[in-house]
Amino acid sequence: MDREIQEITEDMELVADLGLSSLDVIDAVLAFENEFGIEISDDMIMELRTVGDIVRCLEKSKIN
């Protein structure tokens, strides 16, 4: 499911609304880790269900 970036909101679910697979989510996490020089724990990855979850995860990881 292709969406324009302007259509994506924090409450959208990664799988149901954006059509991502669990592998897509892992690939995104790896890209975030590489891009921002952070490490995201496996526990945090398991909690990623929405776009907002990703935002909060990145904010928390950046602070630590």
C-alpha atoms as a PDB file:
ATOM      1  CA  MET A   1       0.000   0.000   0.000  1.00  0.00           C
ATOM      2  CA  ASP A   2       1.653   3.201  -1.157  1.00  0.00           C
ATOM      3  CA  ARG A   3       0.941   6.406   0.727  1.00  0.00           C
ATOM      4  CA  GLU A   4       2.082   9.964   0.358  1.00  0.00           C
ATOM      5  CA  ILE A   5       4.175  11.081   3.330  1.00  0.00           C
ATOM      6  CA  GLN A   6       1.588  13.770   4.129  1.00  0.00           C
ATOM      7  CA  GLU A   7      -1.020  11.040   4.655  1.00  0.00           C
ATOM      8  CA  ILE A   8       0.963   9.196   7.325  1.00  0.00           C
ATOM      9  CA  THR A   9      -0.019   9.899  10.921  1.00  0.00           C
ATOM     10  CA  GLU A  10       1.408   8.726  14.235  1.00  0.00           C
ATOM     11  CA  ASP A  11      -1.617   6.563  15.001  1.00  0.00           C
ATOM     12  CA  MET A  12      -1.276   4.496  11.813  1.00  0.00           C
ATOM     13  CA  GLU A  13      -0.411   0.848  12.377  1.00  0.00           C
ATOM     14  CA  LEU A  14       2.696  -0.381  10.607  1.00  0.00           C
ATOM     15  CA  VAL A  15       1.188  -3.675   9.449  1.00  0.00           C
ATOM     16  CA  ALA A  16      -2.557  -3.026   9.122  1.00  0.00           C
ATOM     17  CA  ASP A  17      -2.448   0.530   7.763  1.00  0.00           C
ATOM     18  CA  LEU A  18       0.912   0.719   6.001  1.00  0.00           C
ATOM     19  CA  GLY A  19       1.189  -2.888   4.857  1.00  0.00           C
ATOM     20  CA  LEU A  20       4.626  -3.511   6.349  1.00  0.00           C
ATOM     21  CA  SER A  21       5.793  -7.026   7.130  1.00  0.00           C
ATOM     22  CA  SER A  22       7.772  -7.861  10.255  1.00  0.00           C
ATOM     23  CA  LEU A  23      10.864  -8.040   8.031  1.00  0.00           C
ATOM     24  CA  ASP A  24      10.118  -4.510   6.764  1.00  0.00           C
ATOM     25  CA  VAL A  25       9.999  -3.287  10.368  1.00  0.00           C
ATOM     26  CA  ILE A  26      13.363  -4.948  11.154  1.00  0.00           C
ATOM     27  CA  ASP A  27      14.883  -3.404   8.017  1.00  0.00           C
ATOM     28  CA  ALA A  28      13.591   0.019   9.086  1.00  0.00           C
ATOM     29  CA  VAL A  29      15.042  -0.416  12.584  1.00  0.00           C
ATOM     30  CA  LEU A  30      18.437  -1.323  11.124  1.00  0.00           C
ATOM     31  CA  ALA A  31      18.289   1.743   8.889  1.00  0.00           C
ATOM     32  CA  PHE A  32      17.426   3.951  11.889  1.00  0.00           C
ATOM     33  CA  GLU A  33      20.296   2.483  13.897  1.00  0.00           C
ATOM     34  CA  ASN A  34      22.746   3.124  11.071  1.00  0.00           C
ATOM     35  CA  GLU A  35      21.436   6.588  10.235  1.00  0.00           C
ATOM     36  CA  PHE A  36      21.283   7.915  13.795  1.00  0.00           C
ATOM     37  CA  GLY A  37      24.115   5.916  15.391  1.00  0.00           C
ATOM     38  CA  ILE A  38      21.809   4.397  18.010  1.00  0.00           C
ATOM     39  CA  GLU A  39      20.996   0.921  19.240  1.00  0.00           C
ATOM     40  CA  ILE A  40      17.391  -0.195  19.577  1.00  0.00           C
ATOM     41  CA  SER A  41      16.844  -3.126  21.914  1.00  0.00           C
ATOM     42  CA  ASP A  42      14.954  -6.235  20.860  1.00  0.00           C
ATOM     43  CA  ASP A  43      12.365  -5.458  23.547  1.00  0.00           C
ATOM     44  CA  MET A  44      11.734  -2.039  22.007  1.00  0.00           C
ATOM     45  CA  ILE A  45      11.434  -3.536  18.531  1.00  0.00           C
ATOM     46  CA  MET A  46       8.750  -5.941  19.746  1.00  0.00           C
ATOM     47  CA  GLU A  47       6.662  -2.961  20.923  1.00  0.00           C
ATOM     48  CA  LEU A  48       6.648  -1.167  17.560  1.00  0.00           C
ATOM     49  CA  ARG A  49       3.064  -1.246  16.311  1.00  0.00           C
ATOM     50  CA  THR A  50       2.408   2.306  15.100  1.00  0.00           C
ATOM     51  CA  VAL A  51       4.288   5.178  13.498  1.00  0.00           C
ATOM     52  CA  GLY A  52       4.071   6.951  16.868  1.00  0.00           C
ATOM     53  CA  ASP A  53       5.763   3.968  18.535  1.00  0.00           C
ATOM     54  CA  ILE A  54       8.693   4.444  16.159  1.00  0.00           C
ATOM     55  CA  VAL A  55       8.851   8.167  16.915  1.00  0.00           C
ATOM     56  CA  ARG A  56       8.901   7.552  20.682  1.00  0.00           C
ATOM     57  CA  CYS A  57      11.446   4.753  20.285  1.00  0.00           C
ATOM     58  CA  LEU A  58      13.795   6.997  18.309  1.00  0.00           C
ATOM     59  CA  GLU A  59      13.380   9.849  20.784  1.00  0.00           C
ATOM     60  CA  LYS A  60      14.102   7.534  23.721  1.00  0.00           C
ATOM     61  CA  SER A  61      17.091   5.917  22.001  1.00  0.00           C
ATOM     62  CA  LYS A  62      18.566   9.306  21.119  1.00  0.00           C
ATOM     63  CA  ILE A  63      18.338  10.460  24.737  1.00  0.00           C
ATOM     64  CA  ASN A  64      20.053   7.358  26.126  1.00  0.00           C
END
